[in-house]
């Protein structure tokens, strides 16, 4: 009989996660994995029967980590339902706040969730072990205090523009309820300048512009050769990744990658992220009608539904079900979402080079997160500068009594969608599909494993370092289980 091993509950994960591994007959490799979201919350059901605008207050509470992402998607779903435009200043403020949350999440994940795993005793003979133990050991690492201070000061942006974080009520379908004065613009630019200084001195050891302009894998390797592993935290990670061959674990080669990204960060001239899918070795336009959620292995009633008409009703004793997470699929395909996906689909050169050369893996996910950290910080400066205080920040709204809407956005972990149906002026159905629902989904109705389940299969399971590699794979997706089982 195949031996089964449980990895859960995992620590340093947002929410509760359990993973069951089945070993091969010789107990040398992982034959298969089941990713288990262990909570039922049913936030969608809280919205049924509520007034449309109540969604702006309820949906951010799906998660305290990516609350703004939920608010943005909720404002967009109402705007789509009401067919109302968003004021340009409102777009800029929304973009600043959403990008700030993504930046804070990327920074927290790298320093507090991901890097501490390399302080494990199994790595004590590595050349970089002392550096990691000093700087990144959980709780006592010297880098943690500096990161938390820089992050807290950076998040003053939330106070100025959103009033509070999480669960701000500043987001509206037509823009934002907060105007921005010239003096507040100057304060925001000062906050970003100080944060840039921290990133350049500690995280990158180089200017953000230099990091953002790395064009391909060769340029990244050249950058690494000119920076010792103790030069910055980026250079330290690159040395660790090379020594452990992290580009060999946790995904597919480039030709087999299947990626999903939603449009995000609207601007006057389009969007910062265009969105789309990468299937059959080519980038294609996004068609939301192709998104279907499969229920066969979820402890939920039903078979499969479009989110437009989906249900989230518990069926705790359902035969064969092993998780509370649905299995979203795009035209029946398993799709990875996240920073890597949105940059690759956007045609950004470094992402294109890395994925084409080595596919989706631990190394590429982490590098592209850090590069996105640099790029979004620079972009925030642009959006702050472009605010015109005398112009409107929000357009008025007229709500119809009937209709549907779709609100798509990107969160730190990837693509987030809200679907809403309104009847007689009240919400009759509301469904959310979160990023971790894509990456940590169970098998679908055809029995095809989800993204992480596939990434864990065929991994060696013998040495202590083999077992540590499982942690690196799991954390490379940055799970947010609270959103997944909303």
Protein backbone atom coordinates (compact mmCIF):
# COMPACT_ATOMS: atom_id res chain seq x y z
CA UNK A 1 0.00 0.00 0.00
CA UNK A 2 1.27 3.49 -0.87
CA UNK A 3 2.40 5.39 2.19
CA UNK A 4 0.71 8.73 2.80
CA UNK A 5 2.29 11.66 4.62
CA UNK A 6 0.66 14.85 5.86
CA UNK A 7 2.65 18.10 5.73
CA UNK A 8 0.07 20.12 7.61
CA UNK A 9 -0.78 22.27 9.21
CA UNK A 10 1.98 24.39 7.61
CA UNK A 11 3.47 27.32 9.49
CA UNK A 12 4.21 30.76 8.02
CA UNK A 13 1.18 30.49 5.72
CA UNK A 14 -1.76 32.90 5.55
CA UNK A 15 -4.62 30.76 6.86
CA UNK A 16 -4.80 26.99 7.27
CA UNK A 17 -3.23 24.58 4.77
CA UNK A 18 -2.71 20.84 4.82
CA UNK A 19 -1.04 18.80 2.10
CA UNK A 20 -1.22 15.02 1.85
CA UNK A 21 1.54 13.28 -0.09
CA UNK A 22 1.41 9.75 -1.52
CA UNK A 23 4.81 8.14 -2.01
CA UNK A 24 5.75 5.73 -4.77
CA UNK A 25 6.14 2.02 -4.02
CA UNK A 26 9.84 2.41 -3.18
CA UNK A 27 9.14 5.50 -1.07
CA UNK A 28 11.74 7.52 -2.94
CA UNK A 29 9.51 9.98 -4.80
CA UNK A 30 6.18 11.71 -4.35
CA UNK A 31 3.67 9.94 -6.56
CA UNK A 32 0.86 12.46 -6.04
CA UNK A 33 -0.33 15.23 -3.75
CA UNK A 34 -3.64 16.49 -2.41
CA UNK A 35 -3.76 20.17 -1.43
CA UNK A 36 -6.33 20.70 1.31
CA UNK A 37 -7.94 24.01 2.25
CA UNK A 38 -9.32 23.14 5.65
CA UNK A 39 -11.81 25.94 6.35
CA UNK A 40 -15.26 26.85 5.07
CA UNK A 41 -16.24 30.51 5.32
CA UNK A 42 -18.87 31.10 2.64
CA UNK A 43 -18.47 34.85 2.26
CA UNK A 44 -20.49 34.75 -0.95
CA UNK A 45 -23.55 33.70 1.01
CA UNK A 46 -23.23 36.73 3.30
CA UNK A 47 -23.83 38.95 0.27
CA UNK A 48 -27.04 37.32 -0.93
CA UNK A 49 -29.98 39.66 -0.36
CA UNK A 50 -27.81 42.65 0.50
CA UNK A 51 -27.89 46.04 -1.20
CA UNK A 52 -25.39 46.36 -4.04
CA UNK A 53 -23.21 48.94 -2.29
CA UNK A 54 -22.94 46.70 0.80
CA UNK A 55 -20.44 44.62 -1.18
CA UNK A 56 -17.90 47.43 -0.73
CA UNK A 57 -18.03 46.92 3.04
CA UNK A 58 -18.31 43.12 3.14
CA UNK A 59 -15.89 41.80 0.50
CA UNK A 60 -12.70 43.43 1.89
CA UNK A 61 -13.19 41.30 4.99
CA UNK A 62 -12.61 38.14 2.98
CA UNK A 63 -8.95 38.73 3.90
CA UNK A 64 -6.99 41.14 6.04
CA UNK A 65 -3.84 40.63 3.95
CA UNK A 66 -5.16 41.53 0.48
CA UNK A 67 -8.17 43.56 1.57
CA UNK A 68 -7.55 46.31 -0.99
CA UNK A 69 -7.44 43.78 -3.82
CA UNK A 70 -10.90 42.59 -2.78
CA UNK A 71 -12.14 46.19 -2.52
CA UNK A 72 -10.86 47.02 -6.00
CA UNK A 73 -12.52 43.95 -7.54
CA UNK A 74 -15.76 44.78 -5.70
CA UNK A 75 -15.76 48.40 -6.90
CA UNK A 76 -15.11 47.13 -10.43
CA UNK A 77 -17.93 44.60 -10.36
CA UNK A 78 -20.37 47.33 -9.32
CA UNK A 79 -18.98 49.72 -11.95
CA UNK A 80 -19.41 47.04 -14.61
CA UNK A 81 -22.95 46.32 -13.43
CA UNK A 82 -23.83 50.05 -13.47
CA UNK A 83 -21.81 50.77 -16.63
CA UNK A 84 -20.19 53.76 -14.96
CA UNK A 85 -16.71 55.13 -15.76
CA UNK A 86 -14.04 55.89 -13.16
CA UNK A 87 -12.56 59.35 -12.73
CA UNK A 88 -8.90 59.48 -13.82
CA UNK A 89 -7.76 60.73 -10.39
CA UNK A 90 -9.76 57.89 -8.85
CA UNK A 91 -7.93 55.43 -11.08
CA UNK A 92 -4.57 56.82 -9.98
CA UNK A 93 -5.39 56.67 -6.28
CA UNK A 94 -6.79 53.14 -6.69
CA UNK A 95 -3.63 52.07 -8.51
CA UNK A 96 -1.38 53.57 -5.83
CA UNK A 97 -3.22 51.79 -3.04
CA UNK A 98 -3.43 48.44 -4.84
CA UNK A 99 0.25 48.58 -5.83
CA UNK A 100 1.21 49.52 -2.27
CA UNK A 101 -0.60 46.47 -0.90
CA UNK A 102 1.05 44.19 -3.47
CA UNK A 103 4.46 45.64 -2.62
CA UNK A 104 3.88 45.13 1.12
CA UNK A 105 2.79 41.54 0.49
CA UNK A 106 5.81 40.74 -1.70
CA UNK A 107 8.19 42.19 0.88
CA UNK A 108 6.53 40.33 3.76
CA UNK A 109 6.52 37.05 1.86
CA UNK A 110 10.19 37.26 0.94
CA UNK A 111 11.49 38.21 4.39
CA UNK A 112 9.13 36.49 6.81
CA UNK A 113 7.69 33.50 4.93
CA UNK A 114 10.14 32.38 2.25
CA UNK A 115 13.75 33.14 3.21
CA UNK A 116 13.64 31.79 6.81
CA UNK A 117 13.34 28.24 5.40
CA UNK A 118 16.98 28.44 4.29
CA UNK A 119 18.08 28.77 7.92
CA UNK A 120 17.21 25.09 8.35
CA UNK A 121 19.99 22.96 9.93
CA UNK A 122 20.21 20.79 6.79
CA UNK A 123 21.89 23.73 5.04
CA UNK A 124 24.50 24.42 7.71
CA UNK A 125 27.41 23.38 5.45
CA UNK A 126 26.47 25.76 2.66
CA UNK A 127 28.75 28.74 2.06
CA UNK A 128 25.85 31.11 2.62
CA UNK A 129 24.56 29.44 5.80
CA UNK A 130 26.03 31.92 8.29
CA UNK A 131 24.70 34.89 6.32
CA UNK A 132 21.22 33.37 6.20
CA UNK A 133 21.19 32.35 9.86
CA UNK A 134 22.21 35.83 10.95
CA UNK A 135 19.81 37.73 8.75
CA UNK A 136 16.80 35.48 8.18
CA UNK A 137 16.30 33.06 11.06
CA UNK A 138 12.63 33.27 12.00
CA UNK A 139 11.94 35.89 14.68
CA UNK A 140 15.61 36.65 15.47
CA UNK A 141 16.93 37.48 11.97
CA UNK A 142 18.54 40.92 11.79
CA UNK A 143 16.80 41.78 8.52
CA UNK A 144 13.31 41.47 9.95
CA UNK A 145 13.32 44.60 12.08
CA UNK A 146 14.56 46.82 9.26
CA UNK A 147 12.05 45.39 6.82
CA UNK A 148 9.13 45.83 9.21
CA UNK A 149 10.15 49.44 9.92
CA UNK A 150 10.46 50.25 6.20
CA UNK A 151 7.16 48.51 5.47
CA UNK A 152 5.33 50.36 8.26
CA UNK A 153 6.62 53.73 7.08
CA UNK A 154 5.74 52.90 3.48
CA UNK A 155 2.19 51.95 4.50
CA UNK A 156 1.60 55.53 5.69
CA UNK A 157 0.40 55.83 2.10
CA UNK A 158 -2.65 53.89 3.26
CA UNK A 159 -3.33 56.38 6.01
CA UNK A 160 -3.17 59.36 3.68
CA UNK A 161 -5.21 57.91 0.83
CA UNK A 162 -7.41 55.21 2.40
CA UNK A 163 -7.86 56.35 5.99
CA UNK A 164 -6.96 52.89 7.28
CA UNK A 165 -5.79 49.48 6.19
CA UNK A 166 -7.19 46.87 5.94
CA UNK A 167 -10.90 47.25 5.11
CA UNK A 168 -10.90 50.83 3.85
CA UNK A 169 -14.12 52.34 2.49
CA UNK A 170 -12.40 54.78 0.14
CA UNK A 171 -13.01 52.67 -2.99
CA UNK A 172 -16.09 53.49 -5.07
CA UNK A 173 -17.32 52.32 -8.49
CA UNK A 174 -16.75 55.81 -9.93
CA UNK A 175 -13.38 56.44 -8.29
CA UNK A 176 -12.43 57.13 -4.66
CA UNK A 177 -14.06 59.14 -1.89
CA UNK A 178 -10.78 60.84 -0.92
CA UNK A 179 -9.39 63.88 -2.68
CA UNK A 180 -5.64 64.57 -2.67
CA UNK A 181 -4.11 67.99 -2.09
CA UNK A 182 -0.78 69.24 -3.42
CA UNK A 183 0.74 68.98 0.07
CA UNK A 184 -0.43 65.37 0.32
CA UNK A 185 1.16 64.66 -3.05
CA UNK A 186 4.46 65.91 -1.66
CA UNK A 187 4.08 63.72 1.43
CA UNK A 188 3.39 60.67 -0.72
CA UNK A 189 6.45 61.32 -2.87
CA UNK A 190 8.57 61.65 0.27
CA UNK A 191 7.29 58.31 1.61
CA UNK A 192 8.09 56.59 -1.69
CA UNK A 193 11.55 58.19 -1.81
CA UNK A 194 12.41 56.86 1.65
CA UNK A 195 11.12 53.40 0.74
CA UNK A 196 13.15 53.43 -2.47
CA UNK A 197 16.25 54.17 -0.43
CA UNK A 198 15.64 51.11 1.74
CA UNK A 199 15.05 48.86 -1.26
CA UNK A 200 18.16 50.11 -3.04
CA UNK A 201 20.43 49.76 -0.03
CA UNK A 202 19.19 46.48 1.46
CA UNK A 203 17.03 44.46 -0.92
CA UNK A 204 18.78 45.12 -4.23
CA UNK A 205 22.09 46.86 -3.59
CA UNK A 206 21.41 48.76 -6.81
CA UNK A 207 19.03 51.40 -8.17
CA UNK A 208 15.46 50.36 -8.79
CA UNK A 209 15.84 51.52 -12.37
CA UNK A 210 18.78 49.14 -12.88
CA UNK A 211 16.81 46.20 -11.48
CA UNK A 212 13.69 47.07 -13.47
CA UNK A 213 15.74 47.27 -16.67
CA UNK A 214 17.30 43.80 -16.48
CA UNK A 215 16.17 42.44 -19.84
CA UNK A 216 16.89 38.73 -19.86
CA UNK A 217 18.44 35.76 -18.08
CA UNK A 218 21.93 36.57 -19.36
CA UNK A 219 21.78 40.12 -17.98
CA UNK A 220 20.54 38.77 -14.65
CA UNK A 221 23.46 36.31 -14.54
CA UNK A 222 25.88 39.13 -15.42
CA UNK A 223 24.42 41.25 -12.62
CA UNK A 224 24.92 38.36 -10.21
CA UNK A 225 28.56 37.90 -11.23
CA UNK A 226 29.31 41.53 -10.33
CA UNK A 227 27.69 41.35 -6.88
CA UNK A 228 28.92 39.14 -4.03
CA UNK A 229 26.32 37.10 -2.17
CA UNK A 230 26.56 39.40 0.87
CA UNK A 231 26.11 42.52 -1.28
CA UNK A 232 22.30 42.52 -1.01
CA UNK A 233 19.40 40.21 -0.27
CA UNK A 234 18.75 39.74 -3.99
CA UNK A 235 22.32 38.62 -4.61
CA UNK A 236 22.12 36.30 -1.58
CA UNK A 237 18.98 34.67 -2.95
CA UNK A 238 20.60 34.21 -6.37
CA UNK A 239 23.53 32.33 -4.82
CA UNK A 240 21.17 30.17 -2.75
CA UNK A 241 19.05 29.43 -5.80
CA UNK A 242 22.07 28.36 -7.85
CA UNK A 243 23.46 26.15 -5.10
CA UNK A 244 20.13 24.34 -4.61
CA UNK A 245 19.08 24.31 -8.28
CA UNK A 246 15.79 26.02 -7.47
CA UNK A 247 15.14 26.52 -11.19
CA UNK A 248 14.69 22.73 -11.44
CA UNK A 249 11.84 22.49 -8.96
CA UNK A 250 8.24 23.54 -8.62
CA UNK A 251 6.74 23.79 -12.07
CA UNK A 252 6.81 23.07 -15.77
CA UNK A 253 9.20 23.82 -18.59
CA UNK A 254 8.32 26.81 -20.75
CA UNK A 255 6.51 24.85 -23.48
CA UNK A 256 4.13 23.27 -20.94
CA UNK A 257 3.39 26.38 -18.88
CA UNK A 258 -0.23 27.52 -18.71
CA UNK A 259 -0.60 31.01 -17.28
CA UNK A 260 -3.47 33.35 -16.44
CA UNK A 261 -3.54 37.08 -15.65
CA UNK A 262 -6.40 39.55 -15.37
CA UNK A 263 -6.21 43.18 -16.56
CA UNK A 264 -5.13 45.52 -13.78
CA UNK A 265 -4.12 49.11 -13.03
CA UNK A 266 -6.27 51.09 -15.47
CA UNK A 267 -4.63 54.21 -16.90
CA UNK A 268 -5.66 56.88 -19.40
CA UNK A 269 -3.77 55.08 -22.16
CA UNK A 270 -4.94 51.57 -21.32
CA UNK A 271 -3.75 49.32 -18.51
CA UNK A 272 -0.42 48.70 -16.82
CA UNK A 273 -1.15 44.95 -16.96
CA UNK A 274 -3.08 43.93 -20.07
CA UNK A 275 -4.13 40.49 -18.89
CA UNK A 276 -4.64 37.36 -20.95
CA UNK A 277 -3.79 33.67 -20.97
CA UNK A 278 -0.80 31.66 -22.13
CA UNK A 279 -2.02 28.41 -23.65
CA UNK A 280 -0.75 26.15 -26.43
CA UNK A 281 2.56 28.01 -26.29
CA UNK A 282 1.05 31.39 -27.21
CA UNK A 283 -0.45 34.40 -25.45
CA UNK A 284 -4.19 34.76 -26.07
CA UNK A 285 -6.89 37.27 -25.17
CA UNK A 286 -8.82 36.59 -21.97
CA UNK A 287 -12.40 35.30 -22.33
CA UNK A 288 -14.11 35.17 -18.92
CA UNK A 289 -16.81 32.83 -20.26
CA UNK A 290 -14.11 30.13 -20.39
CA UNK A 291 -13.76 30.17 -16.58
CA UNK A 292 -15.57 27.27 -14.91
CA UNK A 293 -15.30 26.07 -11.30
CA UNK A 294 -15.32 22.28 -10.76
CA UNK A 295 -16.75 20.91 -7.50
CA UNK A 296 -16.14 17.15 -7.63
CA UNK A 297 -13.37 17.12 -5.00
CA UNK A 298 -14.60 20.12 -3.00
CA UNK A 299 -16.86 19.74 0.03
CA UNK A 300 -19.49 21.77 -1.77
CA UNK A 301 -22.77 20.99 -3.48
CA UNK A 302 -22.97 20.88 -7.25
CA UNK A 303 -20.92 19.71 -10.20
CA UNK A 304 -19.42 22.62 -12.15
CA UNK A 305 -20.53 26.21 -12.71
CA UNK A 306 -19.53 29.45 -14.32
CA UNK A 307 -18.90 31.99 -11.52
CA UNK A 308 -21.79 33.98 -13.02
CA UNK A 309 -24.20 31.35 -11.69
CA UNK A 310 -22.03 29.55 -9.12
CA UNK A 311 -23.01 28.34 -5.66
CA UNK A 312 -20.97 27.96 -2.48
CA UNK A 313 -23.06 25.62 -0.33
CA UNK A 314 -21.33 23.13 2.00
CA UNK A 315 -21.59 19.37 1.56
CA UNK A 316 -19.34 18.21 4.38
CA UNK A 317 -19.84 14.46 3.90
CA UNK A 318 -19.42 14.48 0.12
CA UNK A 319 -17.76 11.27 -1.04
CA UNK A 320 -14.22 11.74 -2.36
CA UNK A 321 -14.03 15.43 -1.47
CA UNK A 322 -10.86 16.47 0.34
CA UNK A 323 -10.87 20.28 0.40
CA UNK A 324 -13.15 23.31 0.70
CA UNK A 325 -11.57 24.90 -2.38
CA UNK A 326 -13.24 24.72 -5.77
CA UNK A 327 -11.16 23.90 -8.85
CA UNK A 328 -11.28 26.86 -11.26
CA UNK A 329 -10.27 26.02 -14.81
CA UNK A 330 -9.89 28.03 -18.00
CA UNK A 331 -11.39 26.12 -20.91
CA UNK A 332 -10.69 22.96 -18.84
CA UNK A 333 -7.01 23.90 -18.41
CA UNK A 334 -5.08 24.13 -15.14
CA UNK A 335 -3.72 27.70 -14.96
CA UNK A 336 -0.96 29.23 -12.83
CA UNK A 337 -1.45 32.81 -11.76
CA UNK A 338 0.74 35.33 -9.95
CA UNK A 339 3.54 37.80 -10.52
CA UNK A 340 5.32 35.53 -12.99
CA UNK A 341 2.14 35.03 -15.03
CA UNK A 342 1.13 38.69 -15.24
CA UNK A 343 4.62 39.85 -16.25
CA UNK A 344 5.03 37.09 -18.84
CA UNK A 345 1.60 37.71 -20.37
CA UNK A 346 2.35 41.45 -20.36
CA UNK A 347 5.33 40.71 -22.60
CA UNK A 348 7.94 41.93 -20.12
CA UNK A 349 11.34 40.88 -21.39
CA UNK A 350 12.90 39.36 -18.27
CA UNK A 351 9.79 37.26 -17.56
CA UNK A 352 9.69 36.15 -21.19
CA UNK A 353 13.36 35.14 -21.10
CA UNK A 354 13.17 33.25 -17.80
CA UNK A 355 9.99 31.33 -18.61
CA UNK A 356 11.07 30.51 -22.16
CA UNK A 357 14.44 29.23 -20.90
CA UNK A 358 13.48 27.32 -17.75
CA UNK A 359 9.69 27.49 -17.39
CA UNK A 360 7.78 28.07 -14.17
CA UNK A 361 9.77 27.21 -11.03
CA UNK A 362 10.80 28.44 -7.60
CA UNK A 363 13.66 30.57 -8.92
CA UNK A 364 11.65 32.38 -11.57
CA UNK A 365 8.66 33.07 -9.30
CA UNK A 366 10.85 34.65 -6.64
CA UNK A 367 13.01 36.69 -9.03
CA UNK A 368 10.00 38.10 -10.84
CA UNK A 369 8.33 39.02 -7.56
CA UNK A 370 11.37 41.02 -6.52
CA UNK A 371 11.62 42.69 -9.93
CA UNK A 372 7.92 43.56 -9.72
CA UNK A 373 8.62 45.09 -6.32
CA UNK A 374 11.07 47.49 -8.01
CA UNK A 375 8.83 48.21 -10.99
CA UNK A 376 5.67 48.93 -8.99
CA UNK A 377 7.52 51.21 -6.57
CA UNK A 378 8.72 53.28 -9.54
CA UNK A 379 5.23 53.23 -11.04
CA UNK A 380 3.68 54.56 -7.83
CA UNK A 381 5.86 57.66 -8.20
CA UNK A 382 4.40 58.19 -11.66
CA UNK A 383 0.80 57.77 -10.50
CA UNK A 384 1.31 60.16 -7.56
CA UNK A 385 2.89 62.78 -9.85
CA UNK A 386 0.03 62.46 -12.36
CA UNK A 387 -2.70 63.30 -9.81
CA UNK A 388 -4.38 66.63 -10.69
CA UNK A 389 -5.86 67.86 -7.38
CA UNK A 390 -8.38 70.23 -9.01
CA UNK A 391 -9.96 67.47 -11.11
CA UNK A 392 -12.70 65.04 -9.97
CA UNK A 393 -11.76 61.94 -7.97
CA UNK A 394 -15.14 60.19 -8.28
CA UNK A 395 -18.06 60.23 -10.70
CA UNK A 396 -21.67 59.88 -9.50
CA UNK A 397 -23.38 56.52 -9.77
CA UNK A 398 -26.85 55.37 -10.75
CA UNK A 399 -27.62 51.75 -9.95
CA UNK A 400 -30.04 49.77 -12.14
CA UNK A 401 -32.43 47.33 -10.51
CA UNK A 402 -31.35 44.28 -12.52
CA UNK A 403 -28.22 43.00 -14.19
CA UNK A 404 -24.83 41.40 -13.84
CA UNK A 405 -21.25 42.57 -13.48
CA UNK A 406 -17.72 41.20 -13.51
CA UNK A 407 -14.86 42.80 -11.59
CA UNK A 408 -11.35 41.62 -12.47
CA UNK A 409 -8.08 42.67 -10.89
CA UNK A 410 -4.70 41.38 -9.76
CA UNK A 411 -3.59 40.77 -6.18
CA UNK A 412 -0.11 39.94 -4.91
CA UNK A 413 -0.78 36.21 -5.43
CA UNK A 414 -2.40 36.61 -8.84
CA UNK A 415 -5.76 36.93 -10.58
CA UNK A 416 -8.84 37.88 -8.57
CA UNK A 417 -12.38 37.97 -9.96
CA UNK A 418 -15.77 38.96 -8.57
CA UNK A 419 -19.06 38.04 -10.30
CA UNK A 420 -22.37 39.63 -9.23
CA UNK A 421 -26.04 39.24 -10.19
CA UNK A 422 -28.65 41.77 -9.05
CA UNK A 423 -32.43 41.28 -8.99
CA UNK A 424 -34.95 43.83 -7.69
CA UNK A 425 -32.13 46.04 -6.51
CA UNK A 426 -30.60 43.33 -4.29
CA UNK A 427 -27.67 40.98 -4.79
CA UNK A 428 -29.06 37.59 -5.76
CA UNK A 429 -25.68 35.92 -6.36
CA UNK A 430 -22.08 36.89 -5.70
CA UNK A 431 -19.07 34.67 -6.40
CA UNK A 432 -15.33 35.20 -5.86
CA UNK A 433 -12.45 33.35 -7.48
CA UNK A 434 -9.21 34.14 -5.64
CA UNK A 435 -5.62 33.66 -6.86
CA UNK A 436 -4.84 30.84 -4.45
CA UNK A 437 -7.98 29.07 -5.64
CA UNK A 438 -6.24 28.70 -9.00
CA UNK A 439 -2.80 27.71 -7.67
CA UNK A 440 -3.96 25.54 -4.75
CA UNK A 441 -7.01 23.98 -6.37
CA UNK A 442 -7.86 20.30 -5.99
CA UNK A 443 -8.35 17.94 -8.89
CA UNK A 444 -11.03 18.96 -11.35
CA UNK A 445 -13.95 16.87 -12.55
CA UNK A 446 -11.65 15.07 -15.01
CA UNK A 447 -9.27 14.17 -12.16
CA UNK A 448 -6.52 16.56 -13.32
CA UNK A 449 -4.47 17.84 -10.36
CA UNK A 450 -4.18 21.55 -9.62
CA UNK A 451 -1.08 23.72 -10.09
CA UNK A 452 0.62 22.99 -6.75
CA UNK A 453 -0.47 19.33 -6.82
CA UNK A 454 1.34 18.97 -10.15
CA UNK A 455 4.38 20.91 -8.90
CA UNK A 456 4.84 18.51 -5.97
CA UNK A 457 4.56 15.29 -7.99
CA UNK A 458 7.75 13.34 -8.80
CA UNK A 459 9.83 15.28 -6.28
CA UNK A 460 12.42 13.15 -4.39
CA UNK A 461 11.47 12.34 -0.81
CA UNK A 462 14.54 10.85 0.82
CA UNK A 463 16.95 13.29 2.43
CA UNK A 464 16.15 16.12 4.82
CA UNK A 465 17.01 18.57 2.07
CA UNK A 466 14.52 16.83 -0.22
CA UNK A 467 11.83 17.47 2.37
CA UNK A 468 12.91 21.10 2.69
CA UNK A 469 12.51 21.50 -1.05
CA UNK A 470 8.80 20.80 -0.63
CA UNK A 471 8.57 23.82 1.66
CA UNK A 472 10.31 26.00 -0.93
CA UNK A 473 7.94 24.83 -3.67
CA UNK A 474 4.84 25.48 -1.59
CA UNK A 475 5.99 28.91 -0.43
CA UNK A 476 7.06 29.95 -3.93
CA UNK A 477 3.33 30.27 -4.69
CA UNK A 478 2.78 32.45 -1.58
CA UNK A 479 -0.47 30.79 -0.44
CA UNK A 480 -3.26 32.94 0.97
CA UNK A 481 -5.69 30.33 2.21
CA UNK A 482 -7.99 32.91 3.79
CA UNK A 483 -8.96 34.16 0.33
CA UNK A 484 -9.15 30.66 -1.10
CA UNK A 485 -11.82 29.42 1.29
CA UNK A 486 -13.52 32.79 1.60
